[in-house]
Each structure stands twice: as C-alpha cells, then as structure tokens.
Amino acid sequence: MDRGRIVLSAVAEIERENIRVQTMEGRIQKAREGKWNGGFAPYDYQLIDCKLQINEEETEAIRVIFDQYVHTDIGANGVAKYLEKYRIIQDRLFMSDYDRYLLELEEKAKK
C-alpha cells in the first residue's frame, strides 16, 4: 500500500469518528430537551413538535393488552387474537403470525 492511501485511510477514519461523535452528541442533546430521537412513535403515543405525547384513544388498548397478558395464560398470539376478536386493535402489528400469513395470502390472491 502506498503512502497516499495510508494517509487517505487515516483521514477517512478520523472523519468517520468525528461524524459518530457529533451524531451521538446531537442525540444526547435532543434527549435532554425531552425530544424523540427518531423512528415511529411507539403505540399509544404520537409525535407532536418532536415530543412524544400520550394518544388517549389508544390508551385503553394498552390497558387491555397488559391485563390479558398478566392475568391470563393466552400468550402474545392469544392477546393479538383477543384484540382482533373484540375489535380493540385492527392492525397487522398485533395479529398472530398465522392470521398475518392468511391475510397476506388473501391479498396476493386479489392481485
């Protein structure tokens, strides 16, 4: 390897580290300000001005999920089926794997 490549490699490594440090400092500052650091808001929350706010419309679903999971032995898929059966949440995120698979097959058949 020639000297030019070695120098260029070293400069690139230093720049990469500077970018990493600046990114982390930005995330830390955002967290100090109470702001969300990115991605979708978790279920039961919504983003308003880069801050997480409780979504009151979804709060009851979270209570049901917790209650069913803690006080029954139906497991995660059972909770998903319960939510669907009682139309508490109608979202693929909460469907059982088998139900999600059937829905995907149905959608493929429509195409």
C-alpha atoms as a PDB file:
ATOM      1  CA  MET A   1       0.000   0.000   0.000  1.00  0.00           C
ATOM      2  CA  ASP A   2       1.402   3.391  -0.900  1.00  0.00           C
ATOM      3  CA  ARG A   3       1.690   6.348   1.464  1.00  0.00           C
ATOM      4  CA  GLY A   4      -1.136   8.255  -0.238  1.00  0.00           C
ATOM      5  CA  ARG A   5      -3.642   5.512   0.503  1.00  0.00           C
ATOM      6  CA  ILE A   6      -2.453   5.189   4.076  1.00  0.00           C
ATOM      7  CA  VAL A   7      -2.880   8.937   4.676  1.00  0.00           C
ATOM      8  CA  LEU A   8      -6.289   8.952   2.958  1.00  0.00           C
ATOM      9  CA  SER A   9      -7.394   5.965   5.035  1.00  0.00           C
ATOM     10  CA  ALA A  10      -6.300   7.690   8.244  1.00  0.00           C
ATOM     11  CA  VAL A  11      -8.143  10.904   7.334  1.00  0.00           C
ATOM     12  CA  ALA A  12     -11.293   8.927   6.479  1.00  0.00           C
ATOM     13  CA  GLU A  13     -11.137   7.118   9.812  1.00  0.00           C
ATOM     14  CA  ILE A  14     -10.787  10.397  11.721  1.00  0.00           C
ATOM     15  CA  GLU A  15     -13.724  11.899   9.797  1.00  0.00           C
ATOM     16  CA  ARG A  16     -15.882   8.853  10.473  1.00  0.00           C
ATOM     17  CA  GLU A  17     -15.164   9.143  14.198  1.00  0.00           C
ATOM     18  CA  ASN A  18     -15.967  12.894  14.150  1.00  0.00           C
ATOM     19  CA  ILE A  19     -19.322  12.203  12.480  1.00  0.00           C
ATOM     20  CA  ARG A  20     -20.113   9.476  15.026  1.00  0.00           C
ATOM     21  CA  VAL A  21     -19.283  11.767  17.964  1.00  0.00           C
ATOM     22  CA  GLN A  22     -21.345  14.665  16.560  1.00  0.00           C
ATOM     23  CA  THR A  23     -24.308  12.367  15.896  1.00  0.00           C
ATOM     24  CA  MET A  24     -24.236  10.994  19.435  1.00  0.00           C
ATOM     25  CA  GLU A  25     -23.909  14.479  20.929  1.00  0.00           C
ATOM     26  CA  GLY A  26     -26.932  15.568  18.889  1.00  0.00           C
ATOM     27  CA  ARG A  27     -28.971  12.630  20.152  1.00  0.00           C
ATOM     28  CA  ILE A  28     -27.951  13.318  23.742  1.00  0.00           C
ATOM     29  CA  GLN A  29     -28.917  16.979  23.401  1.00  0.00           C
ATOM     30  CA  LYS A  30     -32.283  16.051  21.894  1.00  0.00           C
ATOM     31  CA  ALA A  31     -32.916  13.672  24.796  1.00  0.00           C
ATOM     32  CA  ARG A  32     -32.010  16.418  27.297  1.00  0.00           C
ATOM     33  CA  GLU A  33     -34.607  18.623  25.631  1.00  0.00           C
ATOM     34  CA  GLY A  34     -37.175  15.847  26.011  1.00  0.00           C
ATOM     35  CA  LYS A  35     -37.456  15.293  22.273  1.00  0.00           C
ATOM     36  CA  TRP A  36     -37.887  11.992  20.422  1.00  0.00           C
ATOM     37  CA  ASN A  37     -34.717  10.705  18.786  1.00  0.00           C
ATOM     38  CA  GLY A  38     -36.279   9.253  15.678  1.00  0.00           C
ATOM     39  CA  GLY A  39     -38.336   6.474  14.229  1.00  0.00           C
ATOM     40  CA  PHE A  40     -42.031   5.877  14.569  1.00  0.00           C
ATOM     41  CA  ALA A  41     -43.723   6.772  17.812  1.00  0.00           C
ATOM     42  CA  PRO A  42     -44.483   3.701  19.933  1.00  0.00           C
ATOM     43  CA  TYR A  43     -48.099   2.515  20.008  1.00  0.00           C
ATOM     44  CA  ASP A  44     -50.148   4.652  22.413  1.00  0.00           C
ATOM     45  CA  TYR A  45     -48.023   7.733  21.650  1.00  0.00           C
ATOM     46  CA  GLN A  46     -47.949  10.372  18.955  1.00  0.00           C
ATOM     47  CA  LEU A  47     -45.282  12.837  17.940  1.00  0.00           C
ATOM     48  CA  ILE A  48     -46.164  16.484  18.438  1.00  0.00           C
ATOM     49  CA  ASP A  49     -43.376  19.016  17.870  1.00  0.00           C
ATOM     50  CA  CYS A  50     -40.749  16.235  18.125  1.00  0.00           C
ATOM     51  CA  LYS A  51     -42.061  15.206  21.538  1.00  0.00           C
ATOM     52  CA  LEU A  52     -43.945  12.056  22.497  1.00  0.00           C
ATOM     53  CA  GLN A  53     -47.465  12.692  23.735  1.00  0.00           C
ATOM     54  CA  ILE A  54     -49.845  10.000  25.021  1.00  0.00           C
ATOM     55  CA  ASN A  55     -52.538   9.152  22.486  1.00  0.00           C
ATOM     56  CA  GLU A  56     -55.614   8.840  24.708  1.00  0.00           C
ATOM     57  CA  GLU A  57     -57.545   6.940  22.011  1.00  0.00           C
ATOM     58  CA  GLU A  58     -55.061   4.060  22.193  1.00  0.00           C
ATOM     59  CA  THR A  59     -54.554   4.026  25.962  1.00  0.00           C
ATOM     60  CA  GLU A  60     -57.408   1.599  26.633  1.00  0.00           C
ATOM     61  CA  ALA A  61     -55.911  -0.922  24.210  1.00  0.00           C
ATOM     62  CA  ILE A  62     -52.632  -0.848  26.142  1.00  0.00           C
ATOM     63  CA  ARG A  63     -54.512  -1.493  29.385  1.00  0.00           C
ATOM     64  CA  VAL A  64     -56.307  -4.476  27.806  1.00  0.00           C
ATOM     65  CA  ILE A  65     -53.028  -5.865  26.444  1.00  0.00           C
ATOM     66  CA  PHE A  66     -51.389  -5.602  29.860  1.00  0.00           C
ATOM     67  CA  ASP A  67     -54.397  -7.093  31.659  1.00  0.00           C
ATOM     68  CA  GLN A  68     -54.713 -10.027  29.257  1.00  0.00           C
ATOM     69  CA  TYR A  69     -51.002 -10.773  29.286  1.00  0.00           C
ATOM     70  CA  VAL A  70     -50.642 -10.611  33.064  1.00  0.00           C
ATOM     71  CA  HIS A  71     -53.928 -12.196  34.172  1.00  0.00           C
ATOM     72  CA  THR A  72     -54.354 -14.964  31.579  1.00  0.00           C
ATOM     73  CA  ASP A  73     -52.156 -17.630  30.092  1.00  0.00           C
ATOM     74  CA  ILE A  74     -53.038 -16.982  26.441  1.00  0.00           C
ATOM     75  CA  GLY A  75     -49.628 -15.588  25.450  1.00  0.00           C
ATOM     76  CA  ALA A  76     -48.771 -12.930  22.873  1.00  0.00           C
ATOM     77  CA  ASN A  77     -50.600 -14.565  19.947  1.00  0.00           C
ATOM     78  CA  GLY A  78     -53.643 -15.090  22.153  1.00  0.00           C
ATOM     79  CA  VAL A  79     -53.627 -11.423  23.115  1.00  0.00           C
ATOM     80  CA  ALA A  80     -53.396 -10.488  19.417  1.00  0.00           C
ATOM     81  CA  LYS A  81     -56.409 -12.699  18.636  1.00  0.00           C
ATOM     82  CA  TYR A  82     -58.309 -11.234  21.594  1.00  0.00           C
ATOM     83  CA  LEU A  83     -57.671  -7.699  20.351  1.00  0.00           C
ATOM     84  CA  GLU A  84     -58.855  -8.659  16.870  1.00  0.00           C
ATOM     85  CA  LYS A  85     -61.899 -10.599  18.071  1.00  0.00           C
ATOM     86  CA  TYR A  86     -63.167  -7.710  20.171  1.00  0.00           C
ATOM     87  CA  ARG A  87     -62.054  -5.137  17.590  1.00  0.00           C
ATOM     88  CA  ILE A  88     -59.885  -3.337  20.105  1.00  0.00           C
ATOM     89  CA  ILE A  89     -56.997  -3.065  17.644  1.00  0.00           C
ATOM     90  CA  GLN A  90     -57.198  -3.916  13.970  1.00  0.00           C
ATOM     91  CA  ASP A  91     -53.584  -3.614  12.986  1.00  0.00           C
ATOM     92  CA  ARG A  92     -51.164  -6.128  11.467  1.00  0.00           C
ATOM     93  CA  LEU A  93     -48.695  -5.349  14.229  1.00  0.00           C
ATOM     94  CA  PHE A  94     -50.953  -7.122  16.715  1.00  0.00           C
ATOM     95  CA  MET A  95     -52.062 -10.024  14.521  1.00  0.00           C
ATOM     96  CA  SER A  96     -50.865 -13.529  15.198  1.00  0.00           C
ATOM     97  CA  ASP A  97     -48.327 -14.869  12.723  1.00  0.00           C
ATOM     98  CA  TYR A  98     -50.874 -17.294  11.268  1.00  0.00           C
ATOM     99  CA  ASP A  99     -53.533 -14.590  10.813  1.00  0.00           C
ATOM    100  CA  ARG A 100     -50.958 -12.308   9.195  1.00  0.00           C
ATOM    101  CA  TYR A 101     -49.963 -15.154   6.847  1.00  0.00           C
ATOM    102  CA  LEU A 102     -53.604 -15.785   5.858  1.00  0.00           C
ATOM    103  CA  LEU A 103     -54.171 -12.097   5.214  1.00  0.00           C
ATOM    104  CA  GLU A 104     -51.077 -11.925   3.018  1.00  0.00           C
ATOM    105  CA  LEU A 105     -52.276 -14.956   1.016  1.00  0.00           C
ATOM    106  CA  GLU A 106     -55.656 -13.307   0.562  1.00  0.00           C
ATOM    107  CA  GLU A 107     -54.052 -10.077  -0.640  1.00  0.00           C
ATOM    108  CA  LYS A 108     -51.837 -11.995  -3.111  1.00  0.00           C
ATOM    109  CA  ALA A 109     -54.882 -13.814  -4.457  1.00  0.00           C
ATOM    110  CA  LYS A 110     -56.593 -10.472  -5.177  1.00  0.00           C
ATOM    111  CA  LYS A 111     -53.706  -9.367  -7.403  1.00  0.00           C
END
